[in-house]
Amino acid sequence: MLDFSYLSDKRGDKPFLQLSDADVARVHDAFAGLREKTGIYIDPYGRTRIYPEHQKILVTLLSKDADGSVLLFIEFLKTASEADEVLLADGD
């Protein structure tokens, strides 16, 4: 499971998204593409900060074959990048 939250969220009242292990497997290629382009690796078992520019790259990579929960993830990324929010990806 991989949780995404706003780094600035100190009170727990900002948007939050959770991807199941199956969803993480579905977006793995986009995560690999982000790593190739930027060197940023979203570790499904660790913590990673995802900056707005990286979020935009992920949106582009994910949009190629999006459906279901991936569409929700794309919308979450778009909202965060438009708000200029840094995301924290926290895996387990």
N, C-alpha and C. Protein backbone atom coordinates (compact mmCIF):
# COMPACT_ATOMS: atom_id res chain seq x y z
N MET A 1 0.84 -1.16 0.00
CA MET A 1 0.00 0.00 0.00
C MET A 1 0.89 1.24 0.00
N LEU A 2 0.45 2.28 -0.70
CA LEU A 2 1.21 3.52 -0.81
C LEU A 2 0.27 4.68 -0.55
N ASP A 3 0.60 5.47 0.47
CA ASP A 3 -0.23 6.61 0.86
C ASP A 3 0.39 7.90 0.34
N PHE A 4 -0.47 8.78 -0.18
CA PHE A 4 -0.03 10.09 -0.67
C PHE A 4 -0.76 11.16 0.11
N SER A 5 0.01 12.11 0.66
CA SER A 5 -0.57 13.21 1.40
C SER A 5 0.22 14.48 1.11
N TYR A 6 -0.36 15.61 1.45
CA TYR A 6 0.32 16.89 1.28
C TYR A 6 1.36 17.03 2.39
N LEU A 7 2.56 17.38 2.04
CA LEU A 7 3.62 17.56 3.02
C LEU A 7 3.25 18.66 4.03
N SER A 8 2.50 19.65 3.57
CA SER A 8 2.12 20.77 4.43
C SER A 8 0.97 20.45 5.38
N ASP A 9 0.41 19.26 5.27
CA ASP A 9 -0.78 18.90 6.06
C ASP A 9 -0.38 18.51 7.48
N LYS A 10 -0.50 19.45 8.38
CA LYS A 10 -0.13 19.20 9.78
C LYS A 10 -1.34 18.78 10.62
N ARG A 11 -2.56 19.10 10.14
CA ARG A 11 -3.76 18.81 10.92
C ARG A 11 -4.58 17.64 10.35
N GLY A 12 -4.19 17.12 9.22
CA GLY A 12 -4.92 16.00 8.63
C GLY A 12 -6.20 16.38 7.92
N ASP A 13 -6.27 17.62 7.44
CA ASP A 13 -7.51 18.07 6.80
C ASP A 13 -7.36 18.36 5.31
N LYS A 14 -6.22 18.00 4.73
CA LYS A 14 -6.01 18.20 3.29
C LYS A 14 -6.21 16.88 2.57
N PRO A 15 -6.31 16.94 1.23
CA PRO A 15 -6.56 15.71 0.47
C PRO A 15 -5.53 14.62 0.74
N PHE A 16 -5.98 13.38 0.59
CA PHE A 16 -5.19 12.19 0.89
C PHE A 16 -5.61 11.11 -0.10
N LEU A 17 -4.65 10.31 -0.55
CA LEU A 17 -4.98 9.22 -1.47
C LEU A 17 -4.17 8.00 -1.09
N GLN A 18 -4.80 6.85 -1.20
CA GLN A 18 -4.14 5.59 -0.89
C GLN A 18 -4.24 4.67 -2.11
N LEU A 19 -3.10 4.13 -2.53
CA LEU A 19 -3.07 3.16 -3.63
C LEU A 19 -2.82 1.77 -3.04
N SER A 20 -3.61 0.83 -3.48
CA SER A 20 -3.41 -0.57 -3.06
C SER A 20 -2.15 -1.11 -3.73
N ASP A 21 -1.71 -2.27 -3.29
CA ASP A 21 -0.54 -2.91 -3.91
C ASP A 21 -0.79 -3.19 -5.39
N ALA A 22 -2.02 -3.57 -5.74
CA ALA A 22 -2.35 -3.83 -7.14
C ALA A 22 -2.26 -2.54 -7.96
N ASP A 23 -2.74 -1.43 -7.38
CA ASP A 23 -2.65 -0.13 -8.07
C ASP A 23 -1.20 0.31 -8.24
N VAL A 24 -0.40 0.08 -7.21
CA VAL A 24 1.02 0.43 -7.29
C VAL A 24 1.68 -0.35 -8.43
N ALA A 25 1.33 -1.60 -8.57
CA ALA A 25 1.87 -2.42 -9.67
C ALA A 25 1.44 -1.84 -11.02
N ARG A 26 0.21 -1.35 -11.11
CA ARG A 26 -0.30 -0.79 -12.37
C ARG A 26 0.42 0.50 -12.77
N VAL A 27 0.88 1.28 -11.79
CA VAL A 27 1.53 2.56 -12.10
C VAL A 27 3.06 2.45 -12.05
N HIS A 28 3.56 1.24 -11.87
CA HIS A 28 5.00 1.04 -11.76
C HIS A 28 5.76 1.60 -12.96
N ASP A 29 5.26 1.41 -14.16
CA ASP A 29 5.95 1.91 -15.36
C ASP A 29 6.07 3.44 -15.33
N ALA A 30 5.03 4.11 -14.85
CA ALA A 30 5.09 5.58 -14.73
C ALA A 30 6.13 5.98 -13.68
N PHE A 31 6.20 5.25 -12.58
CA PHE A 31 7.20 5.53 -11.56
C PHE A 31 8.61 5.33 -12.14
N ALA A 32 8.78 4.29 -12.95
CA ALA A 32 10.07 4.02 -13.59
C ALA A 32 10.41 5.14 -14.58
N GLY A 33 9.40 5.62 -15.31
CA GLY A 33 9.61 6.73 -16.25
C GLY A 33 10.02 8.00 -15.52
N LEU A 34 9.41 8.26 -14.37
CA LEU A 34 9.79 9.42 -13.57
C LEU A 34 11.24 9.31 -13.12
N ARG A 35 11.63 8.11 -12.74
CA ARG A 35 13.02 7.90 -12.30
C ARG A 35 14.00 8.14 -13.44
N GLU A 36 13.65 7.68 -14.64
CA GLU A 36 14.51 7.89 -15.80
C GLU A 36 14.66 9.37 -16.13
N LYS A 37 13.57 10.11 -16.02
CA LYS A 37 13.58 11.53 -16.40
C LYS A 37 14.20 12.43 -15.34
N THR A 38 14.02 12.08 -14.06
CA THR A 38 14.39 13.01 -12.99
C THR A 38 15.35 12.44 -11.94
N GLY A 39 15.45 11.13 -11.88
CA GLY A 39 16.24 10.50 -10.82
C GLY A 39 15.44 10.28 -9.55
N ILE A 40 14.18 10.77 -9.51
CA ILE A 40 13.33 10.60 -8.34
C ILE A 40 12.68 9.22 -8.41
N TYR A 41 12.85 8.46 -7.33
CA TYR A 41 12.26 7.12 -7.26
C TYR A 41 11.19 7.09 -6.18
N ILE A 42 9.99 6.71 -6.55
CA ILE A 42 8.91 6.55 -5.58
C ILE A 42 8.98 5.12 -5.07
N ASP A 43 9.49 5.00 -3.86
CA ASP A 43 9.73 3.70 -3.25
C ASP A 43 8.45 3.22 -2.58
N PRO A 44 7.87 2.11 -3.03
CA PRO A 44 6.64 1.61 -2.44
C PRO A 44 6.79 1.17 -0.98
N TYR A 45 8.03 1.10 -0.48
CA TYR A 45 8.28 0.66 0.89
C TYR A 45 8.95 1.74 1.74
N GLY A 46 9.09 2.94 1.19
CA GLY A 46 9.76 4.02 1.90
C GLY A 46 8.99 5.32 1.76
N ARG A 47 9.69 6.42 2.02
CA ARG A 47 9.09 7.76 1.91
C ARG A 47 9.78 8.54 0.81
N THR A 48 8.97 9.24 0.03
CA THR A 48 9.48 10.04 -1.06
C THR A 48 8.70 11.34 -1.14
N ARG A 49 9.40 12.44 -1.36
CA ARG A 49 8.74 13.71 -1.63
C ARG A 49 8.60 13.87 -3.13
N ILE A 50 7.40 14.28 -3.54
CA ILE A 50 7.12 14.45 -4.97
C ILE A 50 6.73 15.91 -5.19
N TYR A 51 7.60 16.64 -5.87
CA TYR A 51 7.41 18.07 -6.09
C TYR A 51 6.46 18.31 -7.27
N PRO A 52 5.86 19.51 -7.33
CA PRO A 52 4.86 19.78 -8.38
C PRO A 52 5.32 19.47 -9.80
N GLU A 53 6.56 19.78 -10.13
CA GLU A 53 7.04 19.47 -11.49
C GLU A 53 7.09 17.97 -11.74
N HIS A 54 7.42 17.21 -10.72
CA HIS A 54 7.44 15.74 -10.84
C HIS A 54 6.01 15.20 -10.96
N GLN A 55 5.08 15.83 -10.25
CA GLN A 55 3.67 15.44 -10.33
C GLN A 55 3.16 15.61 -11.76
N LYS A 56 3.55 16.71 -12.41
CA LYS A 56 3.11 16.96 -13.79
C LYS A 56 3.67 15.90 -14.74
N ILE A 57 4.91 15.50 -14.51
CA ILE A 57 5.50 14.44 -15.34
C ILE A 57 4.73 13.14 -15.13
N LEU A 58 4.40 12.82 -13.89
CA LEU A 58 3.63 11.60 -13.62
C LEU A 58 2.27 11.64 -14.30
N VAL A 59 1.61 12.79 -14.28
CA VAL A 59 0.31 12.91 -14.93
C VAL A 59 0.44 12.56 -16.41
N THR A 60 1.46 13.10 -17.05
CA THR A 60 1.68 12.81 -18.48
C THR A 60 1.93 11.32 -18.69
N LEU A 61 2.77 10.72 -17.86
CA LEU A 61 3.09 9.30 -18.01
C LEU A 61 1.89 8.40 -17.72
N LEU A 62 1.09 8.77 -16.74
CA LEU A 62 -0.06 7.95 -16.35
C LEU A 62 -1.24 8.09 -17.31
N SER A 63 -1.34 9.20 -18.00
CA SER A 63 -2.49 9.47 -18.86
C SER A 63 -2.56 8.56 -20.08
N LYS A 64 -1.48 7.86 -20.38
CA LYS A 64 -1.43 7.02 -21.57
C LYS A 64 -2.45 5.88 -21.53
N ASP A 65 -2.67 5.28 -20.38
CA ASP A 65 -3.60 4.15 -20.29
C ASP A 65 -4.30 4.15 -18.93
N ALA A 66 -4.95 5.26 -18.64
CA ALA A 66 -5.57 5.43 -17.33
C ALA A 66 -7.02 4.96 -17.30
N ASP A 67 -7.38 4.37 -16.15
CA ASP A 67 -8.77 4.03 -15.88
C ASP A 67 -8.92 3.82 -14.38
N GLY A 68 -10.12 3.81 -13.89
CA GLY A 68 -10.42 3.51 -12.49
C GLY A 68 -9.61 4.30 -11.48
N SER A 69 -8.92 3.58 -10.62
CA SER A 69 -8.17 4.22 -9.54
C SER A 69 -7.00 5.04 -10.07
N VAL A 70 -6.50 4.70 -11.25
CA VAL A 70 -5.41 5.50 -11.84
C VAL A 70 -5.93 6.89 -12.19
N LEU A 71 -7.17 6.97 -12.67
CA LEU A 71 -7.76 8.28 -12.96
C LEU A 71 -7.89 9.12 -11.68
N LEU A 72 -8.25 8.48 -10.58
CA LEU A 72 -8.32 9.19 -9.30
C LEU A 72 -6.94 9.70 -8.88
N PHE A 73 -5.92 8.89 -9.11
CA PHE A 73 -4.56 9.28 -8.79
C PHE A 73 -4.14 10.48 -9.66
N ILE A 74 -4.47 10.43 -10.94
CA ILE A 74 -4.15 11.55 -11.85
C ILE A 74 -4.82 12.83 -11.36
N GLU A 75 -6.09 12.76 -11.00
CA GLU A 75 -6.80 13.95 -10.51
C GLU A 75 -6.17 14.47 -9.22
N PHE A 76 -5.76 13.57 -8.34
CA PHE A 76 -5.09 13.96 -7.10
C PHE A 76 -3.79 14.69 -7.41
N LEU A 77 -3.00 14.16 -8.35
CA LEU A 77 -1.74 14.78 -8.74
C LEU A 77 -1.97 16.15 -9.37
N LYS A 78 -2.98 16.26 -10.23
CA LYS A 78 -3.29 17.55 -10.86
C LYS A 78 -3.67 18.59 -9.82
N THR A 79 -4.52 18.22 -8.89
CA THR A 79 -4.95 19.14 -7.84
C THR A 79 -3.76 19.61 -7.00
N ALA A 80 -2.90 18.67 -6.63
CA ALA A 80 -1.74 19.02 -5.82
C ALA A 80 -0.78 19.93 -6.57
N SER A 81 -0.52 19.62 -7.84
CA SER A 81 0.44 20.44 -8.59
C SER A 81 -0.12 21.84 -8.85
N GLU A 82 -1.43 21.94 -9.10
CA GLU A 82 -2.04 23.26 -9.30
C GLU A 82 -2.00 24.09 -8.03
N ALA A 83 -2.04 23.44 -6.87
CA ALA A 83 -1.97 24.14 -5.59
C ALA A 83 -0.50 24.35 -5.16
N ASP A 84 0.44 23.91 -6.00
CA ASP A 84 1.87 24.02 -5.71
C ASP A 84 2.24 23.32 -4.40
N GLU A 85 1.63 22.16 -4.18
CA GLU A 85 1.86 21.37 -2.97
C GLU A 85 2.88 20.27 -3.23
N VAL A 86 3.76 20.05 -2.29
CA VAL A 86 4.67 18.91 -2.32
C VAL A 86 3.92 17.73 -1.70
N LEU A 87 3.99 16.59 -2.36
CA LEU A 87 3.35 15.38 -1.84
C LEU A 87 4.36 14.51 -1.11
N LEU A 88 3.87 13.80 -0.13
CA LEU A 88 4.67 12.79 0.56
C LEU A 88 4.08 11.43 0.22
N ALA A 89 4.89 10.57 -0.39
CA ALA A 89 4.49 9.19 -0.67
C ALA A 89 5.08 8.34 0.44
N ASP A 90 4.22 7.62 1.14
CA ASP A 90 4.65 6.83 2.29
C ASP A 90 4.20 5.39 2.10
N GLY A 91 5.16 4.52 1.84
CA GLY A 91 4.85 3.11 1.60
C GLY A 91 5.02 2.27 2.83
N ASP A 92 4.50 1.05 2.74
CA ASP A 92 4.67 0.12 3.86
C ASP A 92 5.08 -1.24 3.39
